[in-house]
Amino acid sequence: MSIPPLYSHLDVHDVVAMRQRNESFLLIDVREPNEYAIAHIDDAVLHPMSGSLDWASAIDRATPIVVMCHHGIRSAHVATTLIQQFGFHRVANMSGGIEAWSLLIDTNIPRY
């Protein structure tokens, strides 16, 4: 018997579709400021993973959240933390992160 994931997985196309439908959600980039300076999605809010215990308590738990990073690994950890330690219920991880976004959605965003 497998245990279902705590958070949902979205690919970059799913996030684009949500934006096109004007869905209300908070896109949180959990990379560090130097990474964000290289490449970012315009409406993503920078909340580094290194400070997640500080910023998470200030976010409304009713707000749907999509977390992202470079490839999706750190954001998966943050998604788990938001659910397990802070009681969030509507959390998704953007699989592939900014790398997939740069390759598949906006090739003007630099890759690193």
PDB file of N, CA and C in Angstrom:
ATOM      1  N   MET A   1       0.846  -1.173   0.000  1.00  0.00           N
ATOM      2  CA  MET A   1       0.000   0.000   0.000  1.00  0.00           C
ATOM      3  C   MET A   1       0.893   1.240   0.000  1.00  0.00           C
ATOM      4  N   SER A   2       0.706   2.096  -0.975  1.00  0.00           N
ATOM      5  CA  SER A   2       1.532   3.304  -1.044  1.00  0.00           C
ATOM      6  C   SER A   2       0.842   4.462  -0.323  1.00  0.00           C
ATOM      7  N   ILE A   3       1.664   5.340   0.196  1.00  0.00           N
ATOM      8  CA  ILE A   3       1.155   6.518   0.900  1.00  0.00           C
ATOM      9  C   ILE A   3       1.018   7.650  -0.115  1.00  0.00           C
ATOM     10  N   PRO A   4      -0.131   8.299  -0.192  1.00  0.00           N
ATOM     11  CA  PRO A   4      -0.299   9.386  -1.162  1.00  0.00           C
ATOM     12  C   PRO A   4       0.595  10.567  -0.794  1.00  0.00           C
ATOM     13  N   PRO A   5       1.026  11.325  -1.787  1.00  0.00           N
ATOM     14  CA  PRO A   5       1.872  12.490  -1.490  1.00  0.00           C
ATOM     15  C   PRO A   5       1.109  13.526  -0.677  1.00  0.00           C
ATOM     16  N   LEU A   6       1.838  14.271   0.092  1.00  0.00           N
ATOM     17  CA  LEU A   6       1.223  15.317   0.909  1.00  0.00           C
ATOM     18  C   LEU A   6       0.802  16.514   0.075  1.00  0.00           C
ATOM     19  N   TYR A   7       1.504  16.741  -0.996  1.00  0.00           N
ATOM     20  CA  TYR A   7       1.247  17.899  -1.856  1.00  0.00           C
ATOM     21  C   TYR A   7       1.020  17.409  -3.277  1.00  0.00           C
ATOM     22  N   SER A   8       0.432  18.263  -4.103  1.00  0.00           N
ATOM     23  CA  SER A   8       0.221  17.871  -5.492  1.00  0.00           C
ATOM     24  C   SER A   8       1.411  18.303  -6.348  1.00  0.00           C
ATOM     25  N   HIS A   9       1.517  17.684  -7.491  1.00  0.00           N
ATOM     26  CA  HIS A   9       2.577  18.002  -8.449  1.00  0.00           C
ATOM     27  C   HIS A   9       1.946  18.694  -9.648  1.00  0.00           C
ATOM     28  N   LEU A  10       2.527  19.792 -10.046  1.00  0.00           N
ATOM     29  CA  LEU A  10       2.098  20.499 -11.247  1.00  0.00           C
ATOM     30  C   LEU A  10       3.301  20.643 -12.155  1.00  0.00           C
ATOM     31  N   ASP A  11       3.103  20.474 -13.454  1.00  0.00           N
ATOM     32  CA  ASP A  11       4.207  20.801 -14.345  1.00  0.00           C
ATOM     33  C   ASP A  11       4.050  22.257 -14.781  1.00  0.00           C
ATOM     34  N   VAL A  12       5.012  22.765 -15.503  1.00  0.00           N
ATOM     35  CA  VAL A  12       4.989  24.182 -15.873  1.00  0.00           C
ATOM     36  C   VAL A  12       3.779  24.536 -16.726  1.00  0.00           C
ATOM     37  N   HIS A  13       3.314  23.593 -17.534  1.00  0.00           N
ATOM     38  CA  HIS A  13       2.128  23.851 -18.360  1.00  0.00           C
ATOM     39  C   HIS A  13       0.873  23.996 -17.497  1.00  0.00           C
ATOM     40  N   ASP A  14       0.803  23.233 -16.414  1.00  0.00           N
ATOM     41  CA  ASP A  14      -0.314  23.362 -15.479  1.00  0.00           C
ATOM     42  C   ASP A  14      -0.339  24.765 -14.860  1.00  0.00           C
ATOM     43  N   VAL A  15       0.841  25.260 -14.481  1.00  0.00           N
ATOM     44  CA  VAL A  15       0.925  26.582 -13.860  1.00  0.00           C
ATOM     45  C   VAL A  15       0.554  27.666 -14.871  1.00  0.00           C
ATOM     46  N   VAL A  16       0.991  27.526 -16.107  1.00  0.00           N
ATOM     47  CA  VAL A  16       0.596  28.477 -17.150  1.00  0.00           C
ATOM     48  C   VAL A  16      -0.919  28.468 -17.311  1.00  0.00           C
ATOM     49  N   ALA A  17      -1.522  27.298 -17.331  1.00  0.00           N
ATOM     50  CA  ALA A  17      -2.984  27.186 -17.479  1.00  0.00           C
ATOM     51  C   ALA A  17      -3.701  27.860 -16.309  1.00  0.00           C
ATOM     52  N   MET A  18      -3.173  27.683 -15.108  1.00  0.00           N
ATOM     53  CA  MET A  18      -3.772  28.337 -13.935  1.00  0.00           C
ATOM     54  C   MET A  18      -3.709  29.858 -14.084  1.00  0.00           C
ATOM     55  N   ARG A  19      -2.587  30.356 -14.567  1.00  0.00           N
ATOM     56  CA  ARG A  19      -2.430  31.800 -14.762  1.00  0.00           C
ATOM     57  C   ARG A  19      -3.398  32.298 -15.843  1.00  0.00           C
ATOM     58  N   GLN A  20      -3.545  31.533 -16.912  1.00  0.00           N
ATOM     59  CA  GLN A  20      -4.439  31.933 -18.003  1.00  0.00           C
ATOM     60  C   GLN A  20      -5.900  31.936 -17.563  1.00  0.00           C
ATOM     61  N   ARG A  21      -6.248  31.072 -16.610  1.00  0.00           N
ATOM     62  CA  ARG A  21      -7.610  31.031 -16.071  1.00  0.00           C
ATOM     63  C   ARG A  21      -7.803  32.054 -14.945  1.00  0.00           C
ATOM     64  N   ASN A  22      -6.758  32.843 -14.694  1.00  0.00           N
ATOM     65  CA  ASN A  22      -6.781  33.846 -13.623  1.00  0.00           C
ATOM     66  C   ASN A  22      -7.101  33.234 -12.261  1.00  0.00           C
ATOM     67  N   GLU A  23      -6.622  32.016 -12.044  1.00  0.00           N
ATOM     68  CA  GLU A  23      -6.807  31.387 -10.736  1.00  0.00           C
ATOM     69  C   GLU A  23      -5.990  32.149  -9.706  1.00  0.00           C
ATOM     70  N   SER A  24      -6.520  32.226  -8.529  1.00  0.00           N
ATOM     71  CA  SER A  24      -5.836  32.906  -7.441  1.00  0.00           C
ATOM     72  C   SER A  24      -4.919  31.912  -6.730  1.00  0.00           C
ATOM     73  N   PHE A  25      -3.621  32.170  -6.786  1.00  0.00           N
ATOM     74  CA  PHE A  25      -2.645  31.347  -6.068  1.00  0.00           C
ATOM     75  C   PHE A  25      -1.390  32.170  -5.868  1.00  0.00           C
ATOM     76  N   LEU A  26      -0.595  31.749  -4.916  1.00  0.00           N
ATOM     77  CA  LEU A  26       0.667  32.403  -4.617  1.00  0.00           C
ATOM     78  C   LEU A  26       1.787  31.521  -5.152  1.00  0.00           C
ATOM     79  N   LEU A  27       2.582  32.070  -6.075  1.00  0.00           N
ATOM     80  CA  LEU A  27       3.731  31.357  -6.623  1.00  0.00           C
ATOM     81  C   LEU A  27       4.947  31.765  -5.804  1.00  0.00           C
ATOM     82  N   ILE A  28       5.502  30.805  -5.056  1.00  0.00           N
ATOM     83  CA  ILE A  28       6.626  31.076  -4.175  1.00  0.00           C
ATOM     84  C   ILE A  28       7.887  30.423  -4.736  1.00  0.00           C
ATOM     85  N   ASP A  29       8.902  31.247  -4.969  1.00  0.00           N
ATOM     86  CA  ASP A  29      10.206  30.787  -5.425  1.00  0.00           C
ATOM     87  C   ASP A  29      11.075  30.608  -4.187  1.00  0.00           C
ATOM     88  N   VAL A  30      11.523  29.391  -3.918  1.00  0.00           N
ATOM     89  CA  VAL A  30      12.265  29.112  -2.694  1.00  0.00           C
ATOM     90  C   VAL A  30      13.783  29.084  -2.897  1.00  0.00           C
ATOM     91  N   ARG A  31      14.229  29.534  -4.065  1.00  0.00           N
ATOM     92  CA  ARG A  31      15.672  29.606  -4.297  1.00  0.00           C
ATOM     93  C   ARG A  31      16.261  30.784  -3.524  1.00  0.00           C
ATOM     94  N   GLU A  32      17.555  30.913  -3.573  1.00  0.00           N
ATOM     95  CA  GLU A  32      18.248  32.000  -2.887  1.00  0.00           C
ATOM     96  C   GLU A  32      18.261  33.253  -3.756  1.00  0.00           C
ATOM     97  N   PRO A  33      18.453  34.436  -3.155  1.00  0.00           N
ATOM     98  CA  PRO A  33      18.411  35.689  -3.910  1.00  0.00           C
ATOM     99  C   PRO A  33      19.354  35.738  -5.114  1.00  0.00           C
ATOM    100  N   ASN A  34      20.546  35.159  -5.004  1.00  0.00           N
ATOM    101  CA  ASN A  34      21.470  35.179  -6.142  1.00  0.00           C
ATOM    102  C   ASN A  34      20.930  34.361  -7.316  1.00  0.00           C
ATOM    103  N   GLU A  35      20.214  33.277  -7.046  1.00  0.00           N
ATOM    104  CA  GLU A  35      19.603  32.483  -8.110  1.00  0.00           C
ATOM    105  C   GLU A  35      18.434  33.236  -8.741  1.00  0.00           C
ATOM    106  N   TYR A  36      17.628  33.842  -7.903  1.00  0.00           N
ATOM    107  CA  TYR A  36      16.472  34.613  -8.357  1.00  0.00           C
ATOM    108  C   TYR A  36      16.924  35.755  -9.257  1.00  0.00           C
ATOM    109  N   ALA A  37      18.067  36.376  -8.928  1.00  0.00           N
ATOM    110  CA  ALA A  37      18.594  37.482  -9.735  1.00  0.00           C
ATOM    111  C   ALA A  37      18.978  37.017 -11.140  1.00  0.00           C
ATOM    112  N   ILE A  38      19.394  35.780 -11.278  1.00  0.00           N
ATOM    113  CA  ILE A  38      19.784  35.231 -12.586  1.00  0.00           C
ATOM    114  C   ILE A  38      18.549  34.964 -13.439  1.00  0.00           C
ATOM    115  N   ALA A  39      17.549  34.330 -12.842  1.00  0.00           N
ATOM    116  CA  ALA A  39      16.371  33.895 -13.596  1.00  0.00           C
ATOM    117  C   ALA A  39      15.178  33.781 -12.658  1.00  0.00           C
ATOM    118  N   HIS A  40      14.059  34.382 -13.056  1.00  0.00           N
ATOM    119  CA  HIS A  40      12.843  34.256 -12.236  1.00  0.00           C
ATOM    120  C   HIS A  40      11.599  34.489 -13.078  1.00  0.00           C
ATOM    121  N   ILE A  41      10.477  34.065 -12.546  1.00  0.00           N
ATOM    122  CA  ILE A  41       9.167  34.307 -13.148  1.00  0.00           C
ATOM    123  C   ILE A  41       8.642  35.589 -12.514  1.00  0.00           C
ATOM    124  N   ASP A  42       8.174  36.504 -13.354  1.00  0.00           N
ATOM    125  CA  ASP A  42       7.826  37.850 -12.886  1.00  0.00           C
ATOM    126  C   ASP A  42       6.923  37.902 -11.660  1.00  0.00           C
ATOM    127  N   ASP A  43       5.886  37.095 -11.593  1.00  0.00           N
ATOM    128  CA  ASP A  43       4.966  37.217 -10.460  1.00  0.00           C
ATOM    129  C   ASP A  43       5.292  36.270  -9.299  1.00  0.00           C
ATOM    130  N   ALA A  44       6.439  35.609  -9.371  1.00  0.00           N
ATOM    131  CA  ALA A  44       6.850  34.741  -8.268  1.00  0.00           C
ATOM    132  C   ALA A  44       7.383  35.587  -7.117  1.00  0.00           C
ATOM    133  N   VAL A  45       7.018  35.180  -5.911  1.00  0.00           N
ATOM    134  CA  VAL A  45       7.479  35.860  -4.703  1.00  0.00           C
ATOM    135  C   VAL A  45       8.677  35.079  -4.172  1.00  0.00           C
ATOM    136  N   LEU A  46       9.782  35.771  -3.950  1.00  0.00           N
ATOM    137  CA  LEU A  46      10.976  35.129  -3.430  1.00  0.00           C
ATOM    138  C   LEU A  46      10.860  34.953  -1.920  1.00  0.00           C
ATOM    139  N   HIS A  47      10.843  33.692  -1.501  1.00  0.00           N
ATOM    140  CA  HIS A  47      10.868  33.319  -0.088  1.00  0.00           C
ATOM    141  C   HIS A  47      11.850  32.152   0.018  1.00  0.00           C
ATOM    142  N   PRO A  48      13.142  32.438   0.222  1.00  0.00           N
ATOM    143  CA  PRO A  48      14.149  31.372   0.212  1.00  0.00           C
ATOM    144  C   PRO A  48      13.873  30.250   1.205  1.00  0.00           C
ATOM    145  N   MET A  49      14.212  29.052   0.772  1.00  0.00           N
ATOM    146  CA  MET A  49      14.064  27.876   1.620  1.00  0.00           C
ATOM    147  C   MET A  49      14.821  28.066   2.930  1.00  0.00           C
ATOM    148  N   SER A  50      15.953  28.737   2.868  1.00  0.00           N
ATOM    149  CA  SER A  50      16.777  28.920   4.067  1.00  0.00           C
ATOM    150  C   SER A  50      16.059  29.696   5.161  1.00  0.00           C
ATOM    151  N   GLY A  51      14.995  30.435   4.794  1.00  0.00           N
ATOM    152  CA  GLY A  51      14.241  31.187   5.794  1.00  0.00           C
ATOM    153  C   GLY A  51      12.795  30.753   5.903  1.00  0.00           C
ATOM    154  N   SER A  52      12.481  29.530   5.455  1.00  0.00           N
ATOM    155  CA  SER A  52      11.077  29.101   5.386  1.00  0.00           C
ATOM    156  C   SER A  52      10.380  29.092   6.747  1.00  0.00           C
ATOM    157  N   LEU A  53      11.113  28.867   7.797  1.00  0.00           N
ATOM    158  CA  LEU A  53      10.474  28.881   9.108  1.00  0.00           C
ATOM    159  C   LEU A  53      10.096  30.303   9.518  1.00  0.00           C
ATOM    160  N   ASP A  54      10.721  31.291   8.902  1.00  0.00           N
ATOM    161  CA  ASP A  54      10.422  32.690   9.203  1.00  0.00           C
ATOM    162  C   ASP A  54       9.239  33.218   8.397  1.00  0.00           C
ATOM    163  N   TRP A  55       9.198  32.953   7.103  1.00  0.00           N
ATOM    164  CA  TRP A  55       8.162  33.550   6.255  1.00  0.00           C
ATOM    165  C   TRP A  55       6.864  32.753   6.220  1.00  0.00           C
ATOM    166  N   ALA A  56       6.900  31.468   6.471  1.00  0.00           N
ATOM    167  CA  ALA A  56       5.704  30.634   6.326  1.00  0.00           C
ATOM    168  C   ALA A  56       4.570  31.052   7.255  1.00  0.00           C
ATOM    169  N   SER A  57       4.898  31.489   8.446  1.00  0.00           N
ATOM    170  CA  SER A  57       3.843  31.851   9.399  1.00  0.00           C
ATOM    171  C   SER A  57       3.100  33.119   8.995  1.00  0.00           C
ATOM    172  N   ALA A  58       3.655  33.897   8.059  1.00  0.00           N
ATOM    173  CA  ALA A  58       3.013  35.140   7.629  1.00  0.00           C
ATOM    174  C   ALA A  58       2.060  34.948   6.448  1.00  0.00           C
ATOM    175  N   ILE A  59       1.984  33.749   5.905  1.00  0.00           N
ATOM    176  CA  ILE A  59       1.153  33.492   4.730  1.00  0.00           C
ATOM    177  C   ILE A  59      -0.190  32.915   5.164  1.00  0.00           C
ATOM    178  N   ASP A  60      -1.250  33.401   4.542  1.00  0.00           N
ATOM    179  CA  ASP A  60      -2.599  32.917   4.811  1.00  0.00           C
ATOM    180  C   ASP A  60      -2.720  31.450   4.397  1.00  0.00           C
ATOM    181  N   ARG A  61      -3.083  30.597   5.308  1.00  0.00           N
ATOM    182  CA  ARG A  61      -3.170  29.167   5.031  1.00  0.00           C
ATOM    183  C   ARG A  61      -4.285  28.806   4.046  1.00  0.00           C
ATOM    184  N   ALA A  62      -5.213  29.704   3.825  1.00  0.00           N
ATOM    185  CA  ALA A  62      -6.302  29.439   2.883  1.00  0.00           C
ATOM    186  C   ALA A  62      -5.884  29.700   1.435  1.00  0.00           C
ATOM    187  N   THR A  63      -4.789  30.388   1.248  1.00  0.00           N
ATOM    188  CA  THR A  63      -4.319  30.723  -0.097  1.00  0.00           C
ATOM    189  C   THR A  63      -3.691  29.500  -0.762  1.00  0.00           C
ATOM    190  N   PRO A  64      -4.119  29.157  -1.973  1.00  0.00           N
ATOM    191  CA  PRO A  64      -3.440  28.073  -2.690  1.00  0.00           C
ATOM    192  C   PRO A  64      -2.000  28.505  -2.998  1.00  0.00           C
ATOM    193  N   ILE A  65      -1.072  27.596  -2.799  1.00  0.00           N
ATOM    194  CA  ILE A  65       0.340  27.897  -2.977  1.00  0.00           C
ATOM    195  C   ILE A  65       0.958  26.937  -3.975  1.00  0.00           C
ATOM    196  N   VAL A  66       1.775  27.489  -4.866  1.00  0.00           N
ATOM    197  CA  VAL A  66       2.619  26.698  -5.750  1.00  0.00           C
ATOM    198  C   VAL A  66       4.050  27.091  -5.417  1.00  0.00           C
ATOM    199  N   VAL A  67       4.861  26.114  -5.050  1.00  0.00           N
ATOM    200  CA  VAL A  67       6.260  26.387  -4.736  1.00  0.00           C
ATOM    201  C   VAL A  67       7.140  25.899  -5.880  1.00  0.00           C
ATOM    202  N   MET A  68       8.235  26.634  -6.087  1.00  0.00           N
ATOM    203  CA  MET A  68       9.153  26.292  -7.173  1.00  0.00           C
ATOM    204  C   MET A  68      10.582  26.574  -6.746  1.00  0.00           C
ATOM    205  N   CYS A  69      11.517  25.936  -7.440  1.00  0.00           N
ATOM    206  CA  CYS A  69      12.936  26.197  -7.223  1.00  0.00           C
ATOM    207  C   CYS A  69      13.650  26.015  -8.562  1.00  0.00           C
ATOM    208  N   HIS A  70      14.879  25.536  -8.537  1.00  0.00           N
ATOM    209  CA  HIS A  70      15.621  25.353  -9.780  1.00  0.00           C
ATOM    210  C   HIS A  70      15.101  24.154 -10.572  1.00  0.00           C
ATOM    211  N   HIS A  71      14.966  23.005  -9.914  1.00  0.00           N
ATOM    212  CA  HIS A  71      14.498  21.793 -10.591  1.00  0.00           C
ATOM    213  C   HIS A  71      13.274  21.150  -9.938  1.00  0.00           C
ATOM    214  N   GLY A  72      12.953  21.519  -8.719  1.00  0.00           N
ATOM    215  CA  GLY A  72      11.787  20.964  -8.042  1.00  0.00           C
ATOM    216  C   GLY A  72      12.092  20.173  -6.788  1.00  0.00           C
ATOM    217  N   ILE A  73      13.370  20.040  -6.440  1.00  0.00           N
ATOM    218  CA  ILE A  73      13.735  19.255  -5.260  1.00  0.00           C
ATOM    219  C   ILE A  73      13.549  20.068  -3.979  1.00  0.00           C
ATOM    220  N   ARG A  74      14.150  21.248  -3.923  1.00  0.00           N
ATOM    221  CA  ARG A  74      14.008  22.086  -2.720  1.00  0.00           C
ATOM    222  C   ARG A  74      12.557  22.474  -2.498  1.00  0.00           C
ATOM    223  N   SER A  75      11.847  22.781  -3.575  1.00  0.00           N
ATOM    224  CA  SER A  75      10.444  23.176  -3.423  1.00  0.00           C
ATOM    225  C   SER A  75       9.606  22.015  -2.900  1.00  0.00           C
ATOM    226  N   ALA A  76       9.968  20.784  -3.231  1.00  0.00           N
ATOM    227  CA  ALA A  76       9.262  19.624  -2.681  1.00  0.00           C
ATOM    228  C   ALA A  76       9.458  19.557  -1.168  1.00  0.00           C
ATOM    229  N   HIS A  77      10.669  19.852  -0.713  1.00  0.00           N
ATOM    230  CA  HIS A  77      10.929  19.866   0.734  1.00  0.00           C
ATOM    231  C   HIS A  77      10.121  20.970   1.417  1.00  0.00           C
ATOM    232  N   VAL A  78      10.078  22.146   0.791  1.00  0.00           N
ATOM    233  CA  VAL A  78       9.321  23.257   1.374  1.00  0.00           C
ATOM    234  C   VAL A  78       7.829  22.932   1.382  1.00  0.00           C
ATOM    235  N   ALA A  79       7.327  22.327   0.313  1.00  0.00           N
ATOM    236  CA  ALA A  79       5.910  21.948   0.261  1.00  0.00           C
ATOM    237  C   ALA A  79       5.567  21.022   1.430  1.00  0.00           C
ATOM    238  N   THR A  80       6.423  20.059   1.681  1.00  0.00           N
ATOM    239  CA  THR A  80       6.210  19.134   2.792  1.00  0.00           C
ATOM    240  C   THR A  80       6.219  19.878   4.126  1.00  0.00           C
ATOM    241  N   THR A  81       7.171  20.784   4.293  1.00  0.00           N
ATOM    242  CA  THR A  81       7.270  21.563   5.526  1.00  0.00           C
ATOM    243  C   THR A  81       6.029  22.419   5.735  1.00  0.00           C
ATOM    244  N   LEU A  82       5.545  23.058   4.672  1.00  0.00           N
ATOM    245  CA  LEU A  82       4.362  23.904   4.788  1.00  0.00           C
ATOM    246  C   LEU A  82       3.157  23.103   5.268  1.00  0.00           C
ATOM    247  N   ILE A  83       3.058  21.882   4.808  1.00  0.00           N
ATOM    248  CA  ILE A  83       1.926  21.038   5.194  1.00  0.00           C
ATOM    249  C   ILE A  83       2.118  20.458   6.589  1.00  0.00           C
ATOM    250  N   GLN A  84       3.266  19.849   6.826  1.00  0.00           N
ATOM    251  CA  GLN A  84       3.478  19.140   8.090  1.00  0.00           C
ATOM    252  C   GLN A  84       3.691  20.062   9.287  1.00  0.00           C
ATOM    253  N   GLN A  85       4.432  21.141   9.092  1.00  0.00           N
ATOM    254  CA  GLN A  85       4.769  21.984  10.237  1.00  0.00           C
ATOM    255  C   GLN A  85       3.886  23.227  10.383  1.00  0.00           C
ATOM    256  N   PHE A  86       3.265  23.655   9.278  1.00  0.00           N
ATOM    257  CA  PHE A  86       2.492  24.891   9.340  1.00  0.00           C
ATOM    258  C   PHE A  86       1.004  24.707   9.057  1.00  0.00           C
ATOM    259  N   GLY A  87       0.578  23.505   8.716  1.00  0.00           N
ATOM    260  CA  GLY A  87      -0.834  23.223   8.551  1.00  0.00           C
ATOM    261  C   GLY A  87      -1.470  23.707   7.257  1.00  0.00           C
ATOM    262  N   PHE A  88      -0.672  23.943   6.223  1.00  0.00           N
ATOM    263  CA  PHE A  88      -1.238  24.322   4.927  1.00  0.00           C
ATOM    264  C   PHE A  88      -1.902  23.101   4.294  1.00  0.00           C
ATOM    265  N   HIS A  89      -2.943  23.349   3.483  1.00  0.00           N
ATOM    266  CA  HIS A  89      -3.670  22.252   2.853  1.00  0.00           C
ATOM    267  C   HIS A  89      -3.617  22.296   1.331  1.00  0.00           C
ATOM    268  N   ARG A  90      -3.444  23.463   0.764  1.00  0.00           N
ATOM    269  CA  ARG A  90      -3.511  23.620  -0.693  1.00  0.00           C
ATOM    270  C   ARG A  90      -2.128  24.018  -1.213  1.00  0.00           C
ATOM    271  N   VAL A  91      -1.233  23.025  -1.277  1.00  0.00           N
ATOM    272  CA  VAL A  91       0.148  23.252  -1.681  1.00  0.00           C
ATOM    273  C   VAL A  91       0.490  22.347  -2.858  1.00  0.00           C
ATOM    274  N   ALA A  92       1.131  22.930  -3.865  1.00  0.00           N
ATOM    275  CA  ALA A  92       1.595  22.162  -5.022  1.00  0.00           C
ATOM    276  C   ALA A  92       3.056  22.491  -5.285  1.00  0.00           C
ATOM    277  N   ASN A  93       3.769  21.515  -5.794  1.00  0.00           N
ATOM    278  CA  ASN A  93       5.156  21.695  -6.194  1.00  0.00           C
ATOM    279  C   ASN A  93       5.209  21.778  -7.716  1.00  0.00           C
ATOM    280  N   MET A  94       5.897  22.807  -8.247  1.00  0.00           N
ATOM    281  CA  MET A  94       6.055  22.939  -9.693  1.00  0.00           C
ATOM    282  C   MET A  94       7.252  22.094 -10.126  1.00  0.00           C
ATOM    283  N   SER A  95       6.959  20.932 -10.668  1.00  0.00           N
ATOM    284  CA  SER A  95       7.990  20.010 -11.116  1.00  0.00           C
ATOM    285  C   SER A  95       8.822  20.635 -12.229  1.00  0.00           C
ATOM    286  N   GLY A  96      10.120  20.452 -12.134  1.00  0.00           N
ATOM    287  CA  GLY A  96      11.021  20.973 -13.162  1.00  0.00           C
ATOM    288  C   GLY A  96      11.532  22.362 -12.876  1.00  0.00           C
ATOM    289  N   GLY A  97      10.834  23.106 -12.022  1.00  0.00           N
ATOM    290  CA  GLY A  97      11.277  24.425 -11.601  1.00  0.00           C
ATOM    291  C   GLY A  97      11.538  25.423 -12.710  1.00  0.00           C
ATOM    292  N   ILE A  98      12.404  26.385 -12.399  1.00  0.00           N
ATOM    293  CA  ILE A  98      12.721  27.448 -13.358  1.00  0.00           C
ATOM    294  C   ILE A  98      13.426  26.879 -14.585  1.00  0.00           C
ATOM    295  N   GLU A  99      14.109  25.755 -14.420  1.00  0.00           N
ATOM    296  CA  GLU A  99      14.777  25.114 -15.559  1.00  0.00           C
ATOM    297  C   GLU A  99      13.741  24.713 -16.612  1.00  0.00           C
ATOM    298  N   ALA A 100      12.690  24.030 -16.193  1.00  0.00           N
ATOM    299  CA  ALA A 100      11.644  23.629 -17.131  1.00  0.00           C
ATOM    300  C   ALA A 100      10.918  24.844 -17.691  1.00  0.00           C
ATOM    301  N   TRP A 101      10.704  25.846 -16.862  1.00  0.00           N
ATOM    302  CA  TRP A 101      10.039  27.061 -17.319  1.00  0.00           C
ATOM    303  C   TRP A 101      10.861  27.718 -18.436  1.00  0.00           C
ATOM    304  N   SER A 102      12.179  27.780 -18.233  1.00  0.00           N
ATOM    305  CA  SER A 102      13.071  28.387 -19.226  1.00  0.00           C
ATOM    306  C   SER A 102      13.093  27.592 -20.522  1.00  0.00           C
ATOM    307  N   LEU A 103      13.020  26.280 -20.423  1.00  0.00           N
ATOM    308  CA  LEU A 103      13.063  25.423 -21.612  1.00  0.00           C
ATOM    309  C   LEU A 103      11.732  25.354 -22.345  1.00  0.00           C
ATOM    310  N   LEU A 104      10.624  25.327 -21.607  1.00  0.00           N
ATOM    311  CA  LEU A 104       9.329  25.027 -22.207  1.00  0.00           C
ATOM    312  C   LEU A 104       8.358  26.201 -22.315  1.00  0.00           C
ATOM    313  N   ILE A 105       8.528  27.216 -21.474  1.00  0.00           N
ATOM    314  CA  ILE A 105       7.543  28.298 -21.428  1.00  0.00           C
ATOM    315  C   ILE A 105       8.123  29.622 -21.915  1.00  0.00           C
ATOM    316  N   ASP A 106       9.240  30.033 -21.362  1.00  0.00           N
ATOM    317  CA  ASP A 106       9.825  31.334 -21.701  1.00  0.00           C
ATOM    318  C   ASP A 106      11.325  31.180 -21.904  1.00  0.00           C
ATOM    319  N   THR A 107      11.717  31.001 -23.161  1.00  0.00           N
ATOM    320  CA  THR A 107      13.130  30.786 -23.484  1.00  0.00           C
ATOM    321  C   THR A 107      13.979  32.040 -23.285  1.00  0.00           C
ATOM    322  N   ASN A 108      13.351  33.175 -22.988  1.00  0.00           N
ATOM    323  CA  ASN A 108      14.107  34.390 -22.682  1.00  0.00           C
ATOM    324  C   ASN A 108      14.653  34.387 -21.261  1.00  0.00           C
ATOM    325  N   ILE A 109      14.140  33.511 -20.432  1.00  0.00           N
ATOM    326  CA  ILE A 109      14.644  33.398 -19.063  1.00  0.00           C
ATOM    327  C   ILE A 109      15.934  32.564 -19.116  1.00  0.00           C
ATOM    328  N   PRO A 110      17.021  33.127 -18.598  1.00  0.00           N
ATOM    329  CA  PRO A 110      18.316  32.415 -18.671  1.00  0.00           C
ATOM    330  C   PRO A 110      18.299  31.095 -17.914  1.00  0.00           C
ATOM    331  N   ARG A 111      19.078  30.160 -18.420  1.00  0.00           N
ATOM    332  CA  ARG A 111      19.296  28.885 -17.723  1.00  0.00           C
ATOM    333  C   ARG A 111      20.640  28.967 -17.024  1.00  0.00           C
ATOM    334  N   TYR A 112      20.761  28.276 -15.926  1.00  0.00           N
ATOM    335  CA  TYR A 112      22.037  28.239 -15.205  1.00  0.00           C
ATOM    336  C   TYR A 112      22.260  26.883 -14.598  1.00  0.00           C
TER     337      TYR A 112
END
